[in-house]
Amino acid sequence: MARFAVRKMRFFDTFHLLDVATGTADLAIEAARRHPEIRVTGIDFIAEMLAPGRKKVALRGLAGRIRLLQADALGLRSPMGVLTPWGSPSASGTSRTASPPSGR
């Protein structure tokens, strides 16, 4: 699944991928491998999921390009407001998604 998703990715105005619910970082690693121009931030709210991901990132020599953090995606802020999954209503009653208005 990660390889399929990564093949579909295109980076235009930004060369940074935010991998929400990164878990063991499979998507983050595959994206960094296939797109050497990007940097990846992977977040997950479960610390125990990140530990194996950090090991895999280090073993593949990608620690300079992939950063894994413990964070809750529901609390993320961006220039668009509070990010919520796939356009579900935020606390303010408005809809926001994790992609910028241009869709890129």
N, C-alpha and C. Protein backbone atom coordinates (compact mmCIF):
# COMPACT_ATOMS: atom_id res chain seq x y z
N MET A 1 0.82 -1.19 0.00
CA MET A 1 0.00 0.00 0.00
C MET A 1 0.86 1.26 0.00
N ALA A 2 1.94 1.30 0.79
CA ALA A 2 2.80 2.48 0.84
C ALA A 2 3.42 2.76 -0.52
N ARG A 3 3.88 1.73 -1.20
CA ARG A 3 4.51 1.94 -2.52
C ARG A 3 3.51 2.51 -3.51
N PHE A 4 2.29 2.02 -3.51
CA PHE A 4 1.26 2.54 -4.41
C PHE A 4 1.01 4.02 -4.14
N ALA A 5 0.84 4.37 -2.87
CA ALA A 5 0.57 5.76 -2.50
C ALA A 5 1.74 6.66 -2.89
N VAL A 6 2.95 6.21 -2.64
CA VAL A 6 4.14 7.02 -2.92
C VAL A 6 4.31 7.24 -4.42
N ARG A 7 3.98 6.25 -5.23
CA ARG A 7 4.07 6.42 -6.69
C ARG A 7 3.13 7.52 -7.18
N LYS A 8 2.03 7.74 -6.48
CA LYS A 8 1.06 8.76 -6.87
C LYS A 8 1.42 10.16 -6.37
N MET A 9 2.36 10.28 -5.46
CA MET A 9 2.71 11.57 -4.86
C MET A 9 3.44 12.46 -5.86
N ARG A 10 3.10 13.75 -5.81
CA ARG A 10 3.78 14.78 -6.59
C ARG A 10 4.04 15.95 -5.67
N PHE A 11 5.21 16.53 -5.79
CA PHE A 11 5.59 17.67 -4.95
C PHE A 11 5.83 18.87 -5.86
N PHE A 12 5.08 19.95 -5.66
CA PHE A 12 5.15 21.12 -6.51
C PHE A 12 5.80 22.28 -5.76
N ASP A 13 5.03 22.94 -4.92
CA ASP A 13 5.52 24.12 -4.23
C ASP A 13 6.21 23.79 -2.91
N THR A 14 6.04 22.59 -2.46
CA THR A 14 6.64 22.18 -1.19
C THR A 14 7.37 20.86 -1.39
N PHE A 15 8.38 20.66 -0.65
CA PHE A 15 9.12 19.39 -0.70
C PHE A 15 9.16 18.80 0.69
N HIS A 16 8.01 18.88 1.37
CA HIS A 16 7.89 18.35 2.73
C HIS A 16 6.59 17.56 2.82
N LEU A 17 6.70 16.35 3.31
CA LEU A 17 5.54 15.48 3.49
C LEU A 17 5.24 15.35 4.98
N LEU A 18 4.00 15.54 5.34
CA LEU A 18 3.54 15.28 6.71
C LEU A 18 2.81 13.95 6.69
N ASP A 19 3.38 12.96 7.35
CA ASP A 19 2.80 11.62 7.42
C ASP A 19 2.08 11.49 8.76
N VAL A 20 0.77 11.63 8.74
CA VAL A 20 -0.05 11.57 9.96
C VAL A 20 -0.36 10.11 10.26
N ALA A 21 -0.25 9.72 11.52
CA ALA A 21 -0.40 8.33 11.96
C ALA A 21 0.67 7.48 11.29
N THR A 22 1.91 7.94 11.36
CA THR A 22 3.03 7.29 10.69
C THR A 22 3.32 5.89 11.20
N GLY A 23 2.98 5.63 12.46
CA GLY A 23 3.21 4.29 13.00
C GLY A 23 4.68 3.90 12.91
N THR A 24 4.97 2.83 12.19
CA THR A 24 6.36 2.34 12.07
C THR A 24 7.09 2.98 10.90
N ALA A 25 6.55 4.05 10.34
CA ALA A 25 7.20 4.91 9.34
C ALA A 25 7.36 4.29 7.96
N ASP A 26 6.59 3.28 7.63
CA ASP A 26 6.74 2.65 6.31
C ASP A 26 6.48 3.65 5.17
N LEU A 27 5.43 4.44 5.27
CA LEU A 27 5.13 5.41 4.23
C LEU A 27 6.20 6.49 4.17
N ALA A 28 6.62 6.98 5.31
CA ALA A 28 7.66 8.01 5.37
C ALA A 28 8.96 7.53 4.72
N ILE A 29 9.35 6.31 5.03
CA ILE A 29 10.58 5.74 4.47
C ILE A 29 10.46 5.56 2.96
N GLU A 30 9.37 5.01 2.52
CA GLU A 30 9.18 4.78 1.08
C GLU A 30 9.14 6.11 0.33
N ALA A 31 8.48 7.12 0.88
CA ALA A 31 8.42 8.43 0.24
C ALA A 31 9.81 9.05 0.14
N ALA A 32 10.57 8.99 1.21
CA ALA A 32 11.93 9.56 1.20
C ALA A 32 12.83 8.80 0.22
N ARG A 33 12.65 7.51 0.14
CA ARG A 33 13.46 6.70 -0.78
C ARG A 33 13.13 7.04 -2.24
N ARG A 34 11.86 7.13 -2.55
CA ARG A 34 11.43 7.36 -3.94
C ARG A 34 11.57 8.82 -4.38
N HIS A 35 11.46 9.75 -3.43
CA HIS A 35 11.54 11.18 -3.73
C HIS A 35 12.71 11.78 -2.94
N PRO A 36 13.92 11.67 -3.45
CA PRO A 36 15.10 12.11 -2.68
C PRO A 36 15.17 13.60 -2.40
N GLU A 37 14.31 14.40 -3.04
CA GLU A 37 14.31 15.84 -2.83
C GLU A 37 13.46 16.27 -1.63
N ILE A 38 12.70 15.37 -1.04
CA ILE A 38 11.79 15.77 0.03
C ILE A 38 12.33 15.48 1.43
N ARG A 39 11.72 16.15 2.37
CA ARG A 39 11.91 15.87 3.80
C ARG A 39 10.55 15.41 4.31
N VAL A 40 10.57 14.55 5.33
CA VAL A 40 9.33 13.98 5.85
C VAL A 40 9.26 14.20 7.36
N THR A 41 8.10 14.61 7.82
CA THR A 41 7.80 14.63 9.25
C THR A 41 6.69 13.62 9.47
N GLY A 42 6.96 12.62 10.28
CA GLY A 42 5.96 11.62 10.62
C GLY A 42 5.50 11.83 12.04
N ILE A 43 4.18 11.83 12.24
CA ILE A 43 3.66 11.98 13.61
C ILE A 43 2.73 10.82 13.94
N ASP A 44 2.75 10.47 15.21
CA ASP A 44 1.84 9.45 15.73
C ASP A 44 1.64 9.76 17.21
N PHE A 45 0.46 9.51 17.72
CA PHE A 45 0.23 9.82 19.13
C PHE A 45 0.63 8.66 20.05
N ILE A 46 1.02 7.53 19.48
CA ILE A 46 1.43 6.37 20.28
C ILE A 46 2.95 6.22 20.20
N ALA A 47 3.64 6.52 21.30
CA ALA A 47 5.10 6.49 21.33
C ALA A 47 5.66 5.12 20.97
N GLU A 48 4.97 4.07 21.42
CA GLU A 48 5.47 2.71 21.15
C GLU A 48 5.47 2.38 19.66
N MET A 49 4.65 3.03 18.88
CA MET A 49 4.65 2.81 17.43
C MET A 49 5.85 3.47 16.77
N LEU A 50 6.32 4.57 17.35
CA LEU A 50 7.42 5.32 16.75
C LEU A 50 8.77 4.65 16.96
N ALA A 51 8.95 3.90 18.03
CA ALA A 51 10.25 3.30 18.33
C ALA A 51 10.76 2.41 17.18
N PRO A 52 9.97 1.46 16.66
CA PRO A 52 10.46 0.66 15.53
C PRO A 52 10.70 1.51 14.28
N GLY A 53 9.87 2.54 14.09
CA GLY A 53 10.06 3.43 12.95
C GLY A 53 11.39 4.16 13.03
N ARG A 54 11.74 4.65 14.20
CA ARG A 54 13.02 5.35 14.38
C ARG A 54 14.19 4.43 14.06
N LYS A 55 14.09 3.18 14.47
CA LYS A 55 15.15 2.21 14.17
C LYS A 55 15.28 1.99 12.67
N LYS A 56 14.14 1.83 11.99
CA LYS A 56 14.17 1.61 10.54
C LYS A 56 14.72 2.82 9.80
N VAL A 57 14.34 4.01 10.24
CA VAL A 57 14.84 5.23 9.61
C VAL A 57 16.36 5.30 9.75
N ALA A 58 16.87 5.03 10.95
CA ALA A 58 18.31 5.07 11.19
C ALA A 58 19.04 4.00 10.37
N LEU A 59 18.51 2.79 10.34
CA LEU A 59 19.15 1.70 9.57
C LEU A 59 19.25 2.02 8.08
N ARG A 60 18.31 2.78 7.57
CA ARG A 60 18.29 3.12 6.14
C ARG A 60 19.03 4.43 5.85
N GLY A 61 19.62 5.02 6.88
CA GLY A 61 20.39 6.24 6.70
C GLY A 61 19.55 7.46 6.34
N LEU A 62 18.31 7.49 6.80
CA LEU A 62 17.39 8.57 6.45
C LEU A 62 17.10 9.53 7.60
N ALA A 63 17.85 9.43 8.69
CA ALA A 63 17.57 10.27 9.86
C ALA A 63 17.73 11.76 9.55
N GLY A 64 18.51 12.12 8.57
CA GLY A 64 18.67 13.52 8.19
C GLY A 64 17.50 14.07 7.40
N ARG A 65 16.64 13.18 6.91
CA ARG A 65 15.51 13.62 6.08
C ARG A 65 14.15 13.26 6.65
N ILE A 66 14.11 12.34 7.61
CA ILE A 66 12.84 11.92 8.22
C ILE A 66 12.90 12.22 9.71
N ARG A 67 11.90 12.95 10.18
CA ARG A 67 11.79 13.27 11.60
C ARG A 67 10.49 12.65 12.10
N LEU A 68 10.57 11.85 13.15
CA LEU A 68 9.39 11.21 13.73
C LEU A 68 9.11 11.82 15.10
N LEU A 69 7.86 12.26 15.28
CA LEU A 69 7.47 12.95 16.51
C LEU A 69 6.21 12.35 17.10
N GLN A 70 6.14 12.36 18.42
CA GLN A 70 4.89 11.98 19.07
C GLN A 70 4.01 13.21 19.11
N ALA A 71 2.86 13.13 18.48
CA ALA A 71 1.93 14.27 18.43
C ALA A 71 0.54 13.77 18.09
N ASP A 72 -0.45 14.54 18.49
CA ASP A 72 -1.84 14.24 18.18
C ASP A 72 -2.25 15.12 17.01
N ALA A 73 -2.56 14.54 15.89
CA ALA A 73 -2.91 15.28 14.68
C ALA A 73 -4.11 16.20 14.87
N LEU A 74 -4.99 15.87 15.79
CA LEU A 74 -6.18 16.70 15.99
C LEU A 74 -5.86 18.06 16.58
N GLY A 75 -4.65 18.22 17.08
CA GLY A 75 -4.27 19.50 17.66
C GLY A 75 -3.32 20.31 16.79
N LEU A 76 -3.05 19.84 15.59
CA LEU A 76 -2.11 20.55 14.72
C LEU A 76 -2.70 21.86 14.22
N ARG A 77 -1.86 22.85 14.09
CA ARG A 77 -2.27 24.15 13.55
C ARG A 77 -1.52 24.40 12.25
N SER A 78 -2.14 25.11 11.37
CA SER A 78 -1.51 25.50 10.11
C SER A 78 -2.04 26.88 9.74
N PRO A 79 -1.51 27.47 8.67
CA PRO A 79 -2.07 28.77 8.24
C PRO A 79 -3.56 28.70 7.91
N MET A 80 -4.07 27.49 7.66
CA MET A 80 -5.49 27.33 7.32
C MET A 80 -6.36 27.18 8.56
N GLY A 81 -5.76 27.01 9.73
CA GLY A 81 -6.53 26.80 10.95
C GLY A 81 -6.17 25.45 11.56
N VAL A 82 -7.06 24.89 12.33
CA VAL A 82 -6.84 23.59 12.96
C VAL A 82 -7.11 22.51 11.91
N LEU A 83 -6.17 21.59 11.77
CA LEU A 83 -6.34 20.50 10.81
C LEU A 83 -7.20 19.41 11.41
N THR A 84 -8.13 18.91 10.64
CA THR A 84 -8.95 17.78 11.06
C THR A 84 -8.91 16.75 9.94
N PRO A 85 -9.12 15.49 10.25
CA PRO A 85 -8.98 14.46 9.23
C PRO A 85 -9.98 14.59 8.09
N TRP A 86 -9.46 14.67 6.90
CA TRP A 86 -10.24 14.61 5.67
C TRP A 86 -11.44 15.54 5.63
N GLY A 87 -11.24 16.74 6.15
CA GLY A 87 -12.28 17.75 6.01
C GLY A 87 -13.44 17.61 6.97
N SER A 88 -13.28 16.80 8.01
CA SER A 88 -14.36 16.72 9.00
C SER A 88 -14.43 18.04 9.76
N PRO A 89 -15.57 18.38 10.33
CA PRO A 89 -15.71 19.68 10.98
C PRO A 89 -14.74 19.84 12.14
N SER A 90 -14.16 21.02 12.24
CA SER A 90 -13.30 21.34 13.38
C SER A 90 -14.18 21.86 14.51
N ALA A 91 -13.56 22.18 15.61
CA ALA A 91 -14.32 22.66 16.77
C ALA A 91 -15.06 23.96 16.45
N SER A 92 -14.54 24.72 15.49
CA SER A 92 -15.19 25.99 15.14
C SER A 92 -16.38 25.79 14.21
N GLY A 93 -16.59 24.55 13.76
CA GLY A 93 -17.71 24.27 12.88
C GLY A 93 -17.37 24.44 11.41
N THR A 94 -16.12 24.82 11.12
CA THR A 94 -15.70 24.94 9.73
C THR A 94 -14.97 23.67 9.32
N SER A 95 -14.80 23.48 8.05
CA SER A 95 -14.12 22.29 7.55
C SER A 95 -12.72 22.65 7.08
N ARG A 96 -11.75 21.92 7.51
CA ARG A 96 -10.36 22.11 7.10
C ARG A 96 -9.78 20.75 6.72
N THR A 97 -8.86 20.74 5.78
CA THR A 97 -8.18 19.50 5.42
C THR A 97 -6.69 19.70 5.59
N ALA A 98 -5.95 18.62 5.46
CA ALA A 98 -4.51 18.66 5.66
C ALA A 98 -3.76 19.08 4.40
N SER A 99 -4.44 19.53 3.38
CA SER A 99 -3.74 20.03 2.20
C SER A 99 -4.05 21.51 2.02
N PRO A 100 -3.13 22.27 1.43
CA PRO A 100 -3.37 23.69 1.25
C PRO A 100 -4.47 23.94 0.23
N PRO A 101 -4.98 25.18 0.14
CA PRO A 101 -6.10 25.47 -0.76
C PRO A 101 -5.83 25.07 -2.21
N SER A 102 -4.56 25.14 -2.65
CA SER A 102 -4.24 24.78 -4.03
C SER A 102 -4.38 23.28 -4.27
N GLY A 103 -4.48 22.48 -3.20
CA GLY A 103 -4.57 21.03 -3.33
C GLY A 103 -3.24 20.36 -3.48
N ARG A 104 -2.17 21.14 -3.36
CA ARG A 104 -0.82 20.58 -3.52
C ARG A 104 -0.17 20.33 -2.19
